[in-house]
Amino acid sequence: MFEQHITPRFSETDALGHINNTVVPIWFEQARRPIFELFTPDLDHKKWCLIIARIAVDFVGELHYGTNVVVRTSIDAIGNSSFQVAQEIWQQDKVRAKGVATLVHYDYQSQKSKPIPDQIQEQLAQHMTDTSSAE
């Protein structure tokens, strides 16, 4: 599992003083950076080989300005050319948002998905969600 610590910015709040719902997907993307680096270590956009096929966000509780958050990122499933990323945002020891993203290993020149190399599949597998301890 990857962890990203984030300090919410005042500009990320809404009129009610909560973190705006549009911020959560941005934090999720920021926390996927270690996964991006598995595919493109230097993050050079000219070598980019991933696309997002789907994202979903569940807002579980309110997020507030003034208290840091932790984004926890793990891998839920690995297929031949795609994989699923599970993410949670924690604030004050409580889950406040959950998200799932499906990413596809993609060849922009041929405009087609391509198999994830074995070495990267092995690295992704090291961050698989532990479902044995799920309630």
C-alpha atoms as a PDB file:
ATOM      1  CA  MET A   1       0.000   0.000   0.000  1.00  0.00           C
ATOM      2  CA  PHE A   2       1.156   3.514  -0.811  1.00  0.00           C
ATOM      3  CA  GLU A   3       0.472   6.451   1.497  1.00  0.00           C
ATOM      4  CA  GLN A   4       0.408  10.116   0.550  1.00  0.00           C
ATOM      5  CA  HIS A   5       0.122  12.794   3.237  1.00  0.00           C
ATOM      6  CA  ILE A   6      -1.654  15.968   2.118  1.00  0.00           C
ATOM      7  CA  THR A   7      -2.184  19.289   3.842  1.00  0.00           C
ATOM      8  CA  PRO A   8      -5.487  20.704   2.595  1.00  0.00           C
ATOM      9  CA  ARG A   9      -5.237  24.226   1.217  1.00  0.00           C
ATOM     10  CA  PHE A  10      -7.702  26.959   2.098  1.00  0.00           C
ATOM     11  CA  SER A  11      -8.482  27.347  -1.610  1.00  0.00           C
ATOM     12  CA  GLU A  12      -9.764  23.745  -1.647  1.00  0.00           C
ATOM     13  CA  THR A  13     -12.692  24.548   0.641  1.00  0.00           C
ATOM     14  CA  ASP A  14     -16.246  25.317  -0.382  1.00  0.00           C
ATOM     15  CA  ALA A  15     -18.751  27.819   0.986  1.00  0.00           C
ATOM     16  CA  LEU A  16     -19.606  25.440   3.846  1.00  0.00           C
ATOM     17  CA  GLY A  17     -15.980  25.137   4.966  1.00  0.00           C
ATOM     18  CA  HIS A  18     -15.604  21.568   3.740  1.00  0.00           C
ATOM     19  CA  ILE A  19     -13.060  20.306   1.241  1.00  0.00           C
ATOM     20  CA  ASN A  20     -14.812  20.669  -2.112  1.00  0.00           C
ATOM     21  CA  ASN A  21     -15.942  17.418  -3.739  1.00  0.00           C
ATOM     22  CA  THR A  22     -13.947  18.264  -6.887  1.00  0.00           C
ATOM     23  CA  VAL A  23     -10.698  18.122  -4.881  1.00  0.00           C
ATOM     24  CA  VAL A  24     -10.963  14.454  -3.895  1.00  0.00           C
ATOM     25  CA  PRO A  25     -10.337  13.043  -7.418  1.00  0.00           C
ATOM     26  CA  ILE A  26      -7.326  15.366  -7.709  1.00  0.00           C
ATOM     27  CA  TRP A  27      -5.904  14.062  -4.428  1.00  0.00           C
ATOM     28  CA  PHE A  28      -6.514  10.507  -5.646  1.00  0.00           C
ATOM     29  CA  GLU A  29      -4.615  11.240  -8.846  1.00  0.00           C
ATOM     30  CA  GLN A  30      -1.743  12.799  -6.892  1.00  0.00           C
ATOM     31  CA  ALA A  31      -1.534   9.681  -4.714  1.00  0.00           C
ATOM     32  CA  ARG A  32      -1.340   7.420  -7.797  1.00  0.00           C
ATOM     33  CA  ARG A  33       2.050   8.926  -8.695  1.00  0.00           C
ATOM     34  CA  PRO A  34       4.075   5.934  -7.383  1.00  0.00           C
ATOM     35  CA  ILE A  35       2.014   3.704  -9.669  1.00  0.00           C
ATOM     36  CA  PHE A  36       2.624   6.020 -12.620  1.00  0.00           C
ATOM     37  CA  GLU A  37       6.361   5.814 -11.866  1.00  0.00           C
ATOM     38  CA  LEU A  38       6.281   2.015 -12.207  1.00  0.00           C
ATOM     39  CA  PHE A  39       5.301   2.512 -15.846  1.00  0.00           C
ATOM     40  CA  THR A  40       7.135   5.768 -16.595  1.00  0.00           C
ATOM     41  CA  PRO A  41       9.888   6.295 -13.982  1.00  0.00           C
ATOM     42  CA  ASP A  42      10.767   9.824 -15.141  1.00  0.00           C
ATOM     43  CA  LEU A  43       7.072  10.750 -15.635  1.00  0.00           C
ATOM     44  CA  ASP A  44       7.892  12.050 -19.118  1.00  0.00           C
ATOM     45  CA  HIS A  45       4.510  12.666 -20.763  1.00  0.00           C
ATOM     46  CA  LYS A  46       6.014  11.767 -24.166  1.00  0.00           C
ATOM     47  CA  LYS A  47       6.547   8.207 -22.858  1.00  0.00           C
ATOM     48  CA  TRP A  48       3.202   7.980 -21.068  1.00  0.00           C
ATOM     49  CA  CYS A  49       1.479   4.620 -21.428  1.00  0.00           C
ATOM     50  CA  LEU A  50      -1.564   4.722 -19.152  1.00  0.00           C
ATOM     51  CA  ILE A  51      -5.118   5.910 -19.589  1.00  0.00           C
ATOM     52  CA  ILE A  52      -7.971   6.020 -17.124  1.00  0.00           C
ATOM     53  CA  ALA A  53     -10.930   3.969 -18.260  1.00  0.00           C
ATOM     54  CA  ARG A  54     -13.070   4.608 -15.189  1.00  0.00           C
ATOM     55  CA  ILE A  55     -13.092   6.448 -11.878  1.00  0.00           C
ATOM     56  CA  ALA A  56     -15.642   6.299  -9.076  1.00  0.00           C
ATOM     57  CA  VAL A  57     -15.715   8.198  -5.799  1.00  0.00           C
ATOM     58  CA  ASP A  58     -17.809   7.569  -2.706  1.00  0.00           C
ATOM     59  CA  PHE A  59     -17.985  10.406  -0.194  1.00  0.00           C
ATOM     60  CA  VAL A  60     -18.203   8.736   3.207  1.00  0.00           C
ATOM     61  CA  GLY A  61     -17.785  11.725   5.526  1.00  0.00           C
ATOM     62  CA  GLU A  62     -16.895  15.396   5.581  1.00  0.00           C
ATOM     63  CA  LEU A  63     -13.332  16.544   4.962  1.00  0.00           C
ATOM     64  CA  HIS A  64     -12.227  19.741   6.668  1.00  0.00           C
ATOM     65  CA  TYR A  65      -9.582  22.394   6.204  1.00  0.00           C
ATOM     66  CA  GLY A  66      -6.959  22.619   8.959  1.00  0.00           C
ATOM     67  CA  THR A  67      -6.360  18.893   9.454  1.00  0.00           C
ATOM     68  CA  ASN A  68      -3.995  16.819   7.320  1.00  0.00           C
ATOM     69  CA  VAL A  69      -5.244  13.814   5.383  1.00  0.00           C
ATOM     70  CA  VAL A  70      -3.690  10.521   4.357  1.00  0.00           C
ATOM     71  CA  VAL A  71      -4.509   8.952   0.999  1.00  0.00           C
ATOM     72  CA  ARG A  72      -4.010   5.198   1.019  1.00  0.00           C
ATOM     73  CA  THR A  73      -3.623   3.535  -2.363  1.00  0.00           C
ATOM     74  CA  SER A  74      -3.576  -0.164  -3.165  1.00  0.00           C
ATOM     75  CA  ILE A  75      -4.179  -2.462  -6.111  1.00  0.00           C
ATOM     76  CA  ASP A  76      -7.484  -4.358  -6.208  1.00  0.00           C
ATOM     77  CA  ALA A  77      -7.072  -6.382  -9.394  1.00  0.00           C
ATOM     78  CA  ILE A  78      -4.565  -6.932 -12.181  1.00  0.00           C
ATOM     79  CA  GLY A  79      -5.576  -8.063 -15.641  1.00  0.00           C
ATOM     80  CA  ASN A  80      -3.666  -8.571 -18.866  1.00  0.00           C
ATOM     81  CA  SER A  81      -3.668  -4.903 -19.910  1.00  0.00           C
ATOM     82  CA  SER A  82      -5.569  -3.156 -17.127  1.00  0.00           C
ATOM     83  CA  PHE A  83      -5.617  -2.938 -13.361  1.00  0.00           C
ATOM     84  CA  GLN A  84      -7.821  -1.517 -10.671  1.00  0.00           C
ATOM     85  CA  VAL A  85      -6.616   0.928  -8.025  1.00  0.00           C
ATOM     86  CA  ALA A  86      -8.457   1.282  -4.704  1.00  0.00           C
ATOM     87  CA  GLN A  87      -8.005   4.464  -2.683  1.00  0.00           C
ATOM     88  CA  GLU A  88      -9.167   5.893   0.619  1.00  0.00           C
ATOM     89  CA  ILE A  89      -8.819   9.313   2.167  1.00  0.00           C
ATOM     90  CA  TRP A  90      -8.438   9.309   5.939  1.00  0.00           C
ATOM     91  CA  GLN A  91      -8.770  12.305   8.238  1.00  0.00           C
ATOM     92  CA  GLN A  92      -8.693  12.094  12.030  1.00  0.00           C
ATOM     93  CA  ASP A  93      -8.494   8.279  11.915  1.00  0.00           C
ATOM     94  CA  LYS A  94     -11.698   7.948   9.857  1.00  0.00           C
ATOM     95  CA  VAL A  95     -12.288   7.090   6.217  1.00  0.00           C
ATOM     96  CA  ARG A  96     -13.816  10.162   4.573  1.00  0.00           C
ATOM     97  CA  ALA A  97     -13.775   9.121   0.902  1.00  0.00           C
ATOM     98  CA  LYS A  98     -13.211   5.965  -1.134  1.00  0.00           C
ATOM     99  CA  GLY A  99     -12.350   5.676  -4.779  1.00  0.00           C
ATOM    100  CA  VAL A 100     -11.674   3.158  -7.500  1.00  0.00           C
ATOM    101  CA  ALA A 101      -9.847   3.794 -10.755  1.00  0.00           C
ATOM    102  CA  THR A 102      -9.356   1.429 -13.659  1.00  0.00           C
ATOM    103  CA  LEU A 103      -6.161   2.140 -15.562  1.00  0.00           C
ATOM    104  CA  VAL A 104      -5.220   0.647 -18.924  1.00  0.00           C
ATOM    105  CA  HIS A 105      -1.702   0.093 -20.230  1.00  0.00           C
ATOM    106  CA  TYR A 106      -2.009   1.846 -23.577  1.00  0.00           C
ATOM    107  CA  ASP A 107      -0.058   2.363 -26.778  1.00  0.00           C
ATOM    108  CA  TYR A 108      -0.931   5.850 -28.005  1.00  0.00           C
ATOM    109  CA  GLN A 109       0.606   5.236 -31.448  1.00  0.00           C
ATOM    110  CA  SER A 110      -1.524   2.201 -32.271  1.00  0.00           C
ATOM    111  CA  GLN A 111      -4.451   3.512 -30.153  1.00  0.00           C
ATOM    112  CA  LYS A 112      -4.795   0.104 -28.477  1.00  0.00           C
ATOM    113  CA  SER A 113      -4.283  -1.415 -25.066  1.00  0.00           C
ATOM    114  CA  LYS A 114      -1.201  -3.524 -24.585  1.00  0.00           C
ATOM    115  CA  PRO A 115      -0.215  -6.192 -22.051  1.00  0.00           C
ATOM    116  CA  ILE A 116       1.307  -5.024 -18.793  1.00  0.00           C
ATOM    117  CA  PRO A 117       4.909  -6.292 -18.670  1.00  0.00           C
ATOM    118  CA  ASP A 118       5.481  -9.153 -16.211  1.00  0.00           C
ATOM    119  CA  GLN A 119       7.950  -7.111 -14.160  1.00  0.00           C
ATOM    120  CA  ILE A 120       5.403  -4.329 -13.637  1.00  0.00           C
ATOM    121  CA  GLN A 121       2.643  -6.852 -12.874  1.00  0.00           C
ATOM    122  CA  GLU A 122       4.886  -8.257 -10.127  1.00  0.00           C
ATOM    123  CA  GLN A 123       5.474  -4.778  -8.698  1.00  0.00           C
ATOM    124  CA  LEU A 124       1.752  -4.022  -8.766  1.00  0.00           C
ATOM    125  CA  ALA A 125       1.026  -7.350  -7.045  1.00  0.00           C
ATOM    126  CA  GLN A 126       3.198  -6.261  -4.110  1.00  0.00           C
ATOM    127  CA  HIS A 127       0.563  -3.602  -3.380  1.00  0.00           C
ATOM    128  CA  MET A 128      -2.539  -5.790  -3.714  1.00  0.00           C
ATOM    129  CA  THR A 129      -5.396  -5.143  -1.303  1.00  0.00           C
ATOM    130  CA  ASP A 130      -5.416  -7.605   1.567  1.00  0.00           C
ATOM    131  CA  THR A 131      -8.949  -8.968   1.447  1.00  0.00           C
ATOM    132  CA  SER A 132      -8.304 -11.629   4.095  1.00  0.00           C
ATOM    133  CA  SER A 133      -8.741  -9.064   6.876  1.00  0.00           C
ATOM    134  CA  ALA A 134     -11.837  -7.405   5.427  1.00  0.00           C
ATOM    135  CA  GLU A 135     -14.928  -7.307   7.627  1.00  0.00           C
END
